[in-house]
PDB file of N, CA and C in Angstrom:
ATOM      1  N   UNK A   1     -17.976  22.326  28.607  1.00  0.00           N
ATOM      2  CA  UNK A   1     -16.905  22.466  27.678  1.00  0.00           C
ATOM      3  C   UNK A   1     -17.353  22.049  26.503  1.00  0.00           C
ATOM      4  N   UNK A   2     -17.617  20.918  26.518  1.00  0.00           N
ATOM      5  CA  UNK A   2     -18.220  19.952  25.422  1.00  0.00           C
ATOM      6  C   UNK A   2     -19.357  20.701  24.648  1.00  0.00           C
ATOM      7  N   UNK A   3     -19.964  21.204  25.220  1.00  0.00           N
ATOM      8  CA  UNK A   3     -21.276  21.809  24.594  1.00  0.00           C
ATOM      9  C   UNK A   3     -20.818  23.568  23.892  1.00  0.00           C
ATOM     10  N   UNK A   4     -19.731  24.037  24.427  1.00  0.00           N
ATOM     11  CA  UNK A   4     -19.488  25.176  23.953  1.00  0.00           C
ATOM     12  C   UNK A   4     -18.791  24.867  22.826  1.00  0.00           C
ATOM     13  N   UNK A   5     -18.045  23.759  22.506  1.00  0.00           N
ATOM     14  CA  UNK A   5     -17.208  23.205  21.308  1.00  0.00           C
ATOM     15  C   UNK A   5     -18.151  23.108  20.239  1.00  0.00           C
ATOM     16  N   UNK A   6     -19.252  22.448  20.474  1.00  0.00           N
ATOM     17  CA  UNK A   6     -20.228  21.796  19.490  1.00  0.00           C
ATOM     18  C   UNK A   6     -20.822  23.092  19.068  1.00  0.00           C
ATOM     19  N   UNK A   7     -21.340  23.972  20.151  1.00  0.00           N
ATOM     20  CA  UNK A   7     -21.745  25.395  19.380  1.00  0.00           C
ATOM     21  C   UNK A   7     -20.980  26.075  18.531  1.00  0.00           C
ATOM     22  N   UNK A   8     -19.730  26.299  18.952  1.00  0.00           N
ATOM     23  CA  UNK A   8     -18.457  26.977  18.172  1.00  0.00           C
ATOM     24  C   UNK A   8     -18.639  26.041  16.880  1.00  0.00           C
ATOM     25  N   UNK A   9     -18.451  24.918  16.835  1.00  0.00           N
ATOM     26  CA  UNK A   9     -18.295  24.092  15.557  1.00  0.00           C
ATOM     27  C   UNK A   9     -19.949  24.372  14.350  1.00  0.00           C
ATOM     28  N   UNK A  10     -20.731  24.418  15.199  1.00  0.00           N
ATOM     29  CA  UNK A  10     -22.366  24.696  14.249  1.00  0.00           C
ATOM     30  C   UNK A  10     -21.958  26.321  13.926  1.00  0.00           C
ATOM     31  N   UNK A  11     -21.567  27.267  14.909  1.00  0.00           N
ATOM     32  CA  UNK A  11     -21.392  28.580  14.151  1.00  0.00           C
ATOM     33  C   UNK A  11     -20.487  28.629  13.172  1.00  0.00           C
ATOM     34  N   UNK A  12     -19.363  27.915  13.142  1.00  0.00           N
ATOM     35  CA  UNK A  12     -18.242  27.928  12.352  1.00  0.00           C
ATOM     36  C   UNK A  12     -19.083  27.506  11.036  1.00  0.00           C
ATOM     37  N   UNK A  13     -19.349  26.246  10.852  1.00  0.00           N
ATOM     38  CA  UNK A  13     -20.008  25.425   9.760  1.00  0.00           C
ATOM     39  C   UNK A  13     -21.219  26.551   8.945  1.00  0.00           C
ATOM     40  N   UNK A  14     -21.948  27.438   9.965  1.00  0.00           N
ATOM     41  CA  UNK A  14     -22.935  28.284   9.557  1.00  0.00           C
ATOM     42  C   UNK A  14     -22.322  29.506   8.629  1.00  0.00           C
ATOM     43  N   UNK A  15     -21.111  29.677   9.455  1.00  0.00           N
ATOM     44  CA  UNK A  15     -20.631  30.959   8.639  1.00  0.00           C
ATOM     45  C   UNK A  15     -20.187  30.599   7.365  1.00  0.00           C
ATOM     46  N   UNK A  16     -19.005  29.662   7.468  1.00  0.00           N
ATOM     47  CA  UNK A  16     -18.294  29.257   6.116  1.00  0.00           C
ATOM     48  C   UNK A  16     -19.429  28.805   5.127  1.00  0.00           C
ATOM     49  N   UNK A  17     -20.604  28.177   5.366  1.00  0.00           N
ATOM     50  CA  UNK A  17     -21.675  27.757   4.404  1.00  0.00           C
ATOM     51  C   UNK A  17     -22.315  29.058   4.203  1.00  0.00           C
ATOM     52  N   UNK A  18     -22.591  30.067   4.893  1.00  0.00           N
ATOM     53  CA  UNK A  18     -23.072  31.269   4.293  1.00  0.00           C
ATOM     54  C   UNK A  18     -22.358  31.959   3.493  1.00  0.00           C
ATOM     55  N   UNK A  19     -21.149  31.868   3.443  1.00  0.00           N
ATOM     56  CA  UNK A  19     -20.173  32.904   2.592  1.00  0.00           C
ATOM     57  C   UNK A  19     -20.173  31.938   1.409  1.00  0.00           C
ATOM     58  N   UNK A  20     -19.914  30.744   1.425  1.00  0.00           N
ATOM     59  CA  UNK A  20     -20.132  30.016   0.083  1.00  0.00           C
ATOM     60  C   UNK A  20     -20.945  30.455  -0.678  1.00  0.00           C
ATOM     61  N   UNK A  21     -22.150  30.374   0.166  1.00  0.00           N
ATOM     62  CA  UNK A  21     -23.726  30.171  -0.804  1.00  0.00           C
ATOM     63  C   UNK A  21     -23.789  31.713  -1.072  1.00  0.00           C
ATOM     64  N   UNK A  22     -23.425  32.609  -0.330  1.00  0.00           N
ATOM     65  CA  UNK A  22     -23.655  34.293  -0.981  1.00  0.00           C
ATOM     66  C   UNK A  22     -22.696  34.628  -1.942  1.00  0.00           C
ATOM     67  N   UNK A  23     -21.766  33.761  -2.230  1.00  0.00           N
ATOM     68  CA  UNK A  23     -20.681  34.555  -3.074  1.00  0.00           C
ATOM     69  C   UNK A  23     -21.300  34.298  -4.521  1.00  0.00           C
ATOM     70  N   UNK A  24     -21.138  35.323  -5.381  1.00  0.00           N
ATOM     71  CA  UNK A  24     -21.575  35.209  -6.840  1.00  0.00           C
ATOM     72  C   UNK A  24     -20.407  35.435  -7.450  1.00  0.00           C
ATOM     73  N   UNK A  25     -20.029  34.724  -9.013  1.00  0.00           N
ATOM     74  CA  UNK A  25     -19.053  34.760  -9.700  1.00  0.00           C
ATOM     75  C   UNK A  25     -19.648  35.692 -10.969  1.00  0.00           C
ATOM     76  N   UNK A  26     -19.233  37.077 -10.828  1.00  0.00           N
ATOM     77  CA  UNK A  26     -19.727  37.782 -12.111  1.00  0.00           C
ATOM     78  C   UNK A  26     -18.831  37.250 -13.205  1.00  0.00           C
ATOM     79  N   UNK A  27     -17.942  37.279 -13.416  1.00  0.00           N
ATOM     80  CA  UNK A  27     -17.012  37.172 -14.538  1.00  0.00           C
ATOM     81  C   UNK A  27     -17.035  35.695 -15.080  1.00  0.00           C
ATOM     82  N   UNK A  28     -17.635  34.743 -14.453  1.00  0.00           N
ATOM     83  CA  UNK A  28     -17.397  33.650 -14.896  1.00  0.00           C
ATOM     84  C   UNK A  28     -16.356  32.849 -15.054  1.00  0.00           C
ATOM     85  N   UNK A  29     -16.457  32.073 -15.993  1.00  0.00           N
ATOM     86  CA  UNK A  29     -14.935  30.843 -16.487  1.00  0.00           C
ATOM     87  C   UNK A  29     -14.152  32.127 -17.469  1.00  0.00           C
ATOM     88  N   UNK A  30     -13.329  32.340 -17.018  1.00  0.00           N
ATOM     89  CA  UNK A  30     -12.493  33.740 -18.034  1.00  0.00           C
ATOM     90  C   UNK A  30     -11.314  32.710 -18.591  1.00  0.00           C
ATOM     91  N   UNK A  31     -11.447  32.759 -20.022  1.00  0.00           N
ATOM     92  CA  UNK A  31     -10.376  31.903 -20.689  1.00  0.00           C
ATOM     93  C   UNK A  31      -9.632  32.945 -21.716  1.00  0.00           C
ATOM     94  N   UNK A  32     -10.113  34.459 -21.258  1.00  0.00           N
ATOM     95  CA  UNK A  32      -9.505  35.361 -22.293  1.00  0.00           C
ATOM     96  C   UNK A  32     -10.414  35.241 -23.770  1.00  0.00           C
ATOM     97  N   UNK A  33      -9.955  36.215 -24.630  1.00  0.00           N
ATOM     98  CA  UNK A  33     -10.473  36.320 -25.757  1.00  0.00           C
ATOM     99  C   UNK A  33     -10.215  34.956 -26.844  1.00  0.00           C
ATOM    100  N   UNK A  34     -10.947  34.028 -26.944  1.00  0.00           N
ATOM    101  CA  UNK A  34     -10.313  32.811 -27.588  1.00  0.00           C
ATOM    102  C   UNK A  34     -10.430  33.333 -29.262  1.00  0.00           C
ATOM    103  N   UNK A  35     -10.982  34.126 -29.524  1.00  0.00           N
ATOM    104  CA  UNK A  35     -11.007  34.604 -30.960  1.00  0.00           C
ATOM    105  C   UNK A  35      -9.301  34.658 -31.190  1.00  0.00           C
ATOM    106  N   UNK A  36      -8.165  35.208 -30.370  1.00  0.00           N
ATOM    107  CA  UNK A  36      -6.830  35.415 -30.694  1.00  0.00           C
ATOM    108  C   UNK A  36      -6.119  34.022 -30.901  1.00  0.00           C
ATOM    109  N   UNK A  37      -6.574  32.981 -30.395  1.00  0.00           N
ATOM    110  CA  UNK A  37      -6.057  31.391 -30.429  1.00  0.00           C
ATOM    111  C   UNK A  37      -5.811  31.291 -31.731  1.00  0.00           C
ATOM    112  N   UNK A  38      -4.647  30.509 -32.174  1.00  0.00           N
ATOM    113  CA  UNK A  38      -4.689  30.209 -33.537  1.00  0.00           C
ATOM    114  C   UNK A  38      -6.007  29.571 -34.474  1.00  0.00           C
ATOM    115  N   UNK A  39      -6.786  28.720 -33.660  1.00  0.00           N
ATOM    116  CA  UNK A  39      -7.765  28.100 -34.189  1.00  0.00           C
ATOM    117  C   UNK A  39      -9.427  28.578 -33.928  1.00  0.00           C
ATOM    118  N   UNK A  40      -9.027  29.855 -33.090  1.00  0.00           N
ATOM    119  CA  UNK A  40      -9.961  30.868 -32.639  1.00  0.00           C
ATOM    120  C   UNK A  40     -11.080  29.922 -31.519  1.00  0.00           C
ATOM    121  N   UNK A  41     -12.152  29.949 -31.717  1.00  0.00           N
ATOM    122  CA  UNK A  41     -13.126  29.168 -30.615  1.00  0.00           C
ATOM    123  C   UNK A  41     -13.111  27.805 -30.755  1.00  0.00           C
ATOM    124  N   UNK A  42     -12.936  27.302 -31.953  1.00  0.00           N
ATOM    125  CA  UNK A  42     -12.681  25.637 -31.776  1.00  0.00           C
ATOM    126  C   UNK A  42     -11.214  25.193 -31.037  1.00  0.00           C
ATOM    127  N   UNK A  43     -11.882  24.260 -30.132  1.00  0.00           N
ATOM    128  CA  UNK A  43     -10.628  23.802 -29.237  1.00  0.00           C
ATOM    129  C   UNK A  43      -9.546  23.194 -29.849  1.00  0.00           C
ATOM    130  N   UNK A  44      -8.678  23.240 -29.210  1.00  0.00           N
ATOM    131  CA  UNK A  44      -7.632  21.880 -29.798  1.00  0.00           C
ATOM    132  C   UNK A  44      -6.848  21.223 -28.616  1.00  0.00           C
ATOM    133  N   UNK A  45      -6.113  20.234 -29.026  1.00  0.00           N
ATOM    134  CA  UNK A  45      -5.384  19.257 -27.917  1.00  0.00           C
ATOM    135  C   UNK A  45      -4.653  20.164 -27.143  1.00  0.00           C
ATOM    136  N   UNK A  46      -3.833  20.941 -27.926  1.00  0.00           N
ATOM    137  CA  UNK A  46      -2.817  21.625 -27.095  1.00  0.00           C
ATOM    138  C   UNK A  46      -3.606  23.030 -26.068  1.00  0.00           C
ATOM    139  N   UNK A  47      -4.338  23.448 -26.522  1.00  0.00           N
ATOM    140  CA  UNK A  47      -5.111  24.464 -25.678  1.00  0.00           C
ATOM    141  C   UNK A  47      -6.063  23.844 -24.742  1.00  0.00           C
ATOM    142  N   UNK A  48      -6.454  22.640 -24.814  1.00  0.00           N
ATOM    143  CA  UNK A  48      -7.376  21.906 -24.093  1.00  0.00           C
ATOM    144  C   UNK A  48      -7.238  20.814 -23.556  1.00  0.00           C
ATOM    145  N   UNK A  49      -5.888  20.264 -23.145  1.00  0.00           N
ATOM    146  CA  UNK A  49      -4.920  19.109 -22.695  1.00  0.00           C
ATOM    147  C   UNK A  49      -5.728  18.545 -21.765  1.00  0.00           C
ATOM    148  N   UNK A  50      -6.334  18.990 -20.482  1.00  0.00           N
ATOM    149  CA  UNK A  50      -6.971  17.979 -19.584  1.00  0.00           C
ATOM    150  C   UNK A  50      -8.402  17.554 -19.925  1.00  0.00           C
ATOM    151  N   UNK A  51      -9.130  18.333 -21.110  1.00  0.00           N
ATOM    152  CA  UNK A  51     -10.188  17.881 -21.353  1.00  0.00           C
ATOM    153  C   UNK A  51     -10.251  17.373 -22.735  1.00  0.00           C
ATOM    154  N   UNK A  52      -9.133  17.246 -23.598  1.00  0.00           N
ATOM    155  CA  UNK A  52      -9.044  16.716 -24.658  1.00  0.00           C
ATOM    156  C   UNK A  52      -9.861  15.482 -24.873  1.00  0.00           C
ATOM    157  N   UNK A  53     -10.748  15.287 -25.661  1.00  0.00           N
ATOM    158  CA  UNK A  53     -11.475  13.685 -25.845  1.00  0.00           C
ATOM    159  C   UNK A  53     -12.608  13.507 -24.955  1.00  0.00           C
ATOM    160  N   UNK A  54     -13.010  14.422 -24.131  1.00  0.00           N
ATOM    161  CA  UNK A  54     -14.144  14.112 -23.013  1.00  0.00           C
ATOM    162  C   UNK A  54     -15.339  14.851 -23.759  1.00  0.00           C
ATOM    163  N   UNK A  55     -16.218  13.906 -23.904  1.00  0.00           N
ATOM    164  CA  UNK A  55     -17.416  14.419 -24.305  1.00  0.00           C
ATOM    165  C   UNK A  55     -18.347  15.136 -23.530  1.00  0.00           C
ATOM    166  N   UNK A  56     -18.336  14.966 -22.142  1.00  0.00           N
ATOM    167  CA  UNK A  56     -19.128  15.739 -21.100  1.00  0.00           C
ATOM    168  C   UNK A  56     -18.362  17.202 -20.462  1.00  0.00           C
ATOM    169  N   UNK A  57     -18.905  18.046 -21.197  1.00  0.00           N
ATOM    170  CA  UNK A  57     -17.973  19.311 -20.777  1.00  0.00           C
ATOM    171  C   UNK A  57     -18.307  19.781 -19.202  1.00  0.00           C
ATOM    172  N   UNK A  58     -19.597  19.174 -18.883  1.00  0.00           N
ATOM    173  CA  UNK A  58     -20.028  19.413 -17.448  1.00  0.00           C
ATOM    174  C   UNK A  58     -19.136  18.646 -16.485  1.00  0.00           C
ATOM    175  N   UNK A  59     -18.325  18.114 -16.888  1.00  0.00           N
ATOM    176  CA  UNK A  59     -17.460  17.420 -15.992  1.00  0.00           C
ATOM    177  C   UNK A  59     -16.331  18.756 -15.196  1.00  0.00           C
ATOM    178  N   UNK A  60     -15.936  19.418 -16.267  1.00  0.00           N
ATOM    179  CA  UNK A  60     -15.381  20.526 -15.699  1.00  0.00           C
ATOM    180  C   UNK A  60     -15.663  21.756 -15.687  1.00  0.00           C
ATOM    181  N   UNK A  61     -16.692  22.017 -16.831  1.00  0.00           N
ATOM    182  CA  UNK A  61     -17.437  23.256 -16.960  1.00  0.00           C
ATOM    183  C   UNK A  61     -18.830  23.570 -16.125  1.00  0.00           C
ATOM    184  N   UNK A  62     -19.163  24.360 -15.467  1.00  0.00           N
ATOM    185  CA  UNK A  62     -20.583  24.751 -15.080  1.00  0.00           C
ATOM    186  C   UNK A  62     -21.378  25.508 -15.856  1.00  0.00           C
ATOM    187  N   UNK A  63     -22.309  24.828 -16.653  1.00  0.00           N
ATOM    188  CA  UNK A  63     -22.621  25.707 -17.453  1.00  0.00           C
ATOM    189  C   UNK A  63     -23.268  27.382 -16.734  1.00  0.00           C
ATOM    190  N   UNK A  64     -23.589  27.167 -15.598  1.00  0.00           N
ATOM    191  CA  UNK A  64     -23.988  28.624 -15.016  1.00  0.00           C
ATOM    192  C   UNK A  64     -22.915  29.634 -14.858  1.00  0.00           C
ATOM    193  N   UNK A  65     -21.566  29.194 -15.317  1.00  0.00           N
ATOM    194  CA  UNK A  65     -20.441  29.998 -15.066  1.00  0.00           C
ATOM    195  C   UNK A  65     -19.999  30.441 -16.319  1.00  0.00           C
ATOM    196  N   UNK A  66     -20.332  29.970 -17.213  1.00  0.00           N
ATOM    197  CA  UNK A  66     -20.198  30.437 -18.985  1.00  0.00           C
ATOM    198  C   UNK A  66     -20.642  31.252 -19.554  1.00  0.00           C
ATOM    199  N   UNK A  67     -20.204  31.998 -20.498  1.00  0.00           N
ATOM    200  CA  UNK A  67     -20.492  33.143 -21.097  1.00  0.00           C
ATOM    201  C   UNK A  67     -21.320  33.779 -20.635  1.00  0.00           C
ATOM    202  N   UNK A  68     -20.631  34.309 -19.293  1.00  0.00           N
ATOM    203  CA  UNK A  68     -21.453  35.712 -18.823  1.00  0.00           C
ATOM    204  C   UNK A  68     -20.971  37.028 -19.169  1.00  0.00           C
ATOM    205  N   UNK A  69     -20.107  36.935 -19.778  1.00  0.00           N
ATOM    206  CA  UNK A  69     -19.526  38.352 -20.105  1.00  0.00           C
ATOM    207  C   UNK A  69     -18.895  38.233 -21.420  1.00  0.00           C
ATOM    208  N   UNK A  70     -18.827  38.936 -22.418  1.00  0.00           N
ATOM    209  CA  UNK A  70     -18.344  38.842 -23.666  1.00  0.00           C
ATOM    210  C   UNK A  70     -16.765  39.202 -23.480  1.00  0.00           C
ATOM    211  N   UNK A  71     -16.093  38.095 -23.587  1.00  0.00           N
ATOM    212  CA  UNK A  71     -14.614  37.856 -23.413  1.00  0.00           C
ATOM    213  C   UNK A  71     -14.180  38.373 -24.856  1.00  0.00           C
ATOM    214  N   UNK A  72     -14.677  38.445 -25.722  1.00  0.00           N
ATOM    215  CA  UNK A  72     -13.964  38.839 -27.425  1.00  0.00           C
ATOM    216  C   UNK A  72     -14.234  40.137 -27.404  1.00  0.00           C
ATOM    217  N   UNK A  73     -14.951  40.757 -26.566  1.00  0.00           N
ATOM    218  CA  UNK A  73     -15.371  42.474 -26.931  1.00  0.00           C
ATOM    219  C   UNK A  73     -15.745  42.459 -28.552  1.00  0.00           C
ATOM    220  N   UNK A  74     -16.459  41.572 -28.954  1.00  0.00           N
ATOM    221  CA  UNK A  74     -17.300  41.771 -30.280  1.00  0.00           C
ATOM    222  C   UNK A  74     -18.701  42.133 -30.522  1.00  0.00           C
ATOM    223  N   UNK A  75     -19.408  42.232 -29.007  1.00  0.00           N
ATOM    224  CA  UNK A  75     -20.380  42.762 -28.993  1.00  0.00           C
ATOM    225  C   UNK A  75     -21.620  41.498 -29.193  1.00  0.00           C
ATOM    226  N   UNK A  76     -21.328  40.165 -28.991  1.00  0.00           N
ATOM    227  CA  UNK A  76     -21.989  38.908 -29.025  1.00  0.00           C
ATOM    228  C   UNK A  76     -22.991  39.183 -27.774  1.00  0.00           C
ATOM    229  N   UNK A  77     -24.272  38.425 -28.550  1.00  0.00           N
ATOM    230  CA  UNK A  77     -25.043  38.421 -27.334  1.00  0.00           C
ATOM    231  C   UNK A  77     -25.033  37.162 -26.537  1.00  0.00           C
ATOM    232  N   UNK A  78     -24.398  37.444 -25.450  1.00  0.00           N
ATOM    233  CA  UNK A  78     -24.060  36.306 -24.276  1.00  0.00           C
ATOM    234  C   UNK A  78     -25.193  35.747 -23.801  1.00  0.00           C
ATOM    235  N   UNK A  79     -26.559  36.665 -23.459  1.00  0.00           N
ATOM    236  CA  UNK A  79     -27.804  36.067 -23.121  1.00  0.00           C
ATOM    237  C   UNK A  79     -28.326  35.163 -24.055  1.00  0.00           C
ATOM    238  N   UNK A  80     -28.026  35.172 -25.213  1.00  0.00           N
ATOM    239  CA  UNK A  80     -28.757  34.269 -26.370  1.00  0.00           C
ATOM    240  C   UNK A  80     -27.675  32.905 -26.250  1.00  0.00           C
ATOM    241  N   UNK A  81     -26.265  33.280 -26.078  1.00  0.00           N
ATOM    242  CA  UNK A  81     -25.577  32.056 -26.166  1.00  0.00           C
ATOM    243  C   UNK A  81     -26.018  30.973 -24.918  1.00  0.00           C
ATOM    244  N   UNK A  82     -26.349  31.584 -23.658  1.00  0.00           N
ATOM    245  CA  UNK A  82     -26.433  31.157 -22.560  1.00  0.00           C
ATOM    246  C   UNK A  82     -27.814  30.498 -22.727  1.00  0.00           C
ATOM    247  N   UNK A  83     -28.733  31.019 -23.249  1.00  0.00           N
ATOM    248  CA  UNK A  83     -30.019  30.371 -23.750  1.00  0.00           C
ATOM    249  C   UNK A  83     -30.074  29.256 -24.630  1.00  0.00           C
ATOM    250  N   UNK A  84     -29.030  29.211 -25.423  1.00  0.00           N
ATOM    251  CA  UNK A  84     -28.953  28.160 -26.235  1.00  0.00           C
ATOM    252  C   UNK A  84     -28.215  26.950 -25.518  1.00  0.00           C
ATOM    253  N   UNK A  85     -27.023  27.270 -24.532  1.00  0.00           N
ATOM    254  CA  UNK A  85     -26.386  26.422 -23.793  1.00  0.00           C
ATOM    255  C   UNK A  85     -27.720  25.555 -22.906  1.00  0.00           C
ATOM    256  N   UNK A  86     -28.442  26.511 -22.291  1.00  0.00           N
ATOM    257  CA  UNK A  86     -29.360  25.874 -21.575  1.00  0.00           C
ATOM    258  C   UNK A  86     -30.618  25.401 -22.130  1.00  0.00           C
ATOM    259  N   UNK A  87     -30.969  25.449 -23.115  1.00  0.00           N
ATOM    260  CA  UNK A  87     -31.859  24.743 -24.065  1.00  0.00           C
ATOM    261  C   UNK A  87     -31.137  23.131 -24.690  1.00  0.00           C
ATOM    262  N   UNK A  88     -30.149  23.641 -25.415  1.00  0.00           N
ATOM    263  CA  UNK A  88     -29.553  22.167 -25.866  1.00  0.00           C
ATOM    264  C   UNK A  88     -28.621  21.577 -25.245  1.00  0.00           C
ATOM    265  N   UNK A  89     -27.958  22.147 -24.214  1.00  0.00           N
ATOM    266  CA  UNK A  89     -27.276  21.440 -23.218  1.00  0.00           C
ATOM    267  C   UNK A  89     -25.827  21.280 -23.826  1.00  0.00           C
ATOM    268  N   UNK A  90     -25.313  19.791 -23.813  1.00  0.00           N
ATOM    269  CA  UNK A  90     -23.815  19.304 -24.427  1.00  0.00           C
ATOM    270  C   UNK A  90     -23.670  19.644 -25.622  1.00  0.00           C
ATOM    271  N   UNK A  91     -24.865  19.480 -26.530  1.00  0.00           N
ATOM    272  CA  UNK A  91     -24.908  19.561 -28.118  1.00  0.00           C
ATOM    273  C   UNK A  91     -24.362  21.091 -28.623  1.00  0.00           C
ATOM    274  N   UNK A  92     -24.924  21.863 -27.516  1.00  0.00           N
ATOM    275  CA  UNK A  92     -24.446  23.458 -28.045  1.00  0.00           C
ATOM    276  C   UNK A  92     -22.951  23.662 -28.028  1.00  0.00           C
ATOM    277  N   UNK A  93     -21.958  22.709 -27.099  1.00  0.00           N
ATOM    278  CA  UNK A  93     -20.897  23.004 -26.988  1.00  0.00           C
ATOM    279  C   UNK A  93     -20.174  22.939 -28.341  1.00  0.00           C
ATOM    280  N   UNK A  94     -20.283  21.735 -29.044  1.00  0.00           N
ATOM    281  CA  UNK A  94     -19.513  21.602 -30.490  1.00  0.00           C
ATOM    282  C   UNK A  94     -20.144  22.725 -31.754  1.00  0.00           C
ATOM    283  N   UNK A  95     -21.090  23.542 -31.573  1.00  0.00           N
ATOM    284  CA  UNK A  95     -21.502  24.491 -32.414  1.00  0.00           C
ATOM    285  C   UNK A  95     -20.525  25.227 -32.686  1.00  0.00           C
ATOM    286  N   UNK A  96     -19.818  26.009 -31.293  1.00  0.00           N
ATOM    287  CA  UNK A  96     -18.780  26.974 -31.408  1.00  0.00           C
ATOM    288  C   UNK A  96     -17.403  26.256 -31.276  1.00  0.00           C
ATOM    289  N   UNK A  97     -17.306  25.213 -30.368  1.00  0.00           N
ATOM    290  CA  UNK A  97     -16.020  24.846 -29.813  1.00  0.00           C
ATOM    291  C   UNK A  97     -15.537  23.708 -30.312  1.00  0.00           C
ATOM    292  N   UNK A  98     -16.179  23.166 -31.402  1.00  0.00           N
ATOM    293  CA  UNK A  98     -15.542  22.001 -32.323  1.00  0.00           C
ATOM    294  C   UNK A  98     -16.027  20.748 -31.331  1.00  0.00           C
ATOM    295  N   UNK A  99     -15.389  19.520 -31.783  1.00  0.00           N
ATOM    296  CA  UNK A  99     -15.787  18.333 -31.356  1.00  0.00           C
ATOM    297  C   UNK A  99     -14.755  18.045 -29.978  1.00  0.00           C
ATOM    298  N   UNK A 100     -13.737  18.577 -29.693  1.00  0.00           N
ATOM    299  CA  UNK A 100     -12.846  18.489 -28.890  1.00  0.00           C
ATOM    300  C   UNK A 100     -12.269  16.937 -28.772  1.00  0.00           C
ATOM    301  N   UNK A 101     -12.158  16.656 -29.903  1.00  0.00           N
ATOM    302  CA  UNK A 101     -11.384  15.346 -30.403  1.00  0.00           C
ATOM    303  C   UNK A 101     -12.203  13.905 -29.941  1.00  0.00           C
ATOM    304  N   UNK A 102     -13.793  14.217 -29.671  1.00  0.00           N
ATOM    305  CA  UNK A 102     -14.611  13.356 -29.979  1.00  0.00           C
ATOM    306  C   UNK A 102     -15.072  13.016 -31.148  1.00  0.00           C
ATOM    307  N   UNK A 103     -15.377  11.861 -31.464  1.00  0.00           N
ATOM    308  CA  UNK A 103     -15.983  11.314 -32.803  1.00  0.00           C
ATOM    309  C   UNK A 103     -16.859  10.830 -32.833  1.00  0.00           C
TER     310      UNK A 103
END
């Protein structure tokens, strides 16, 4: 009986792990069209309350899930934005989104 339980647990872990690894987030993080907010792309304390004042955007945002789709429907080149994010890292965030309350 004990051996069967161990095999069941191993199979369950394999299935759960396989499902998680196989999932793909095509939309990425969706915050809607930021251009329609009062300050546009620039983050404000009201709109970014949890992350306001934090300098490491990756504490909450995985770069792999950002800028996958043009949420603004303006025809921006999301591939170029992704390339910028991956080449410049955290320094690239402030270019479009402001300082996030970090001085």
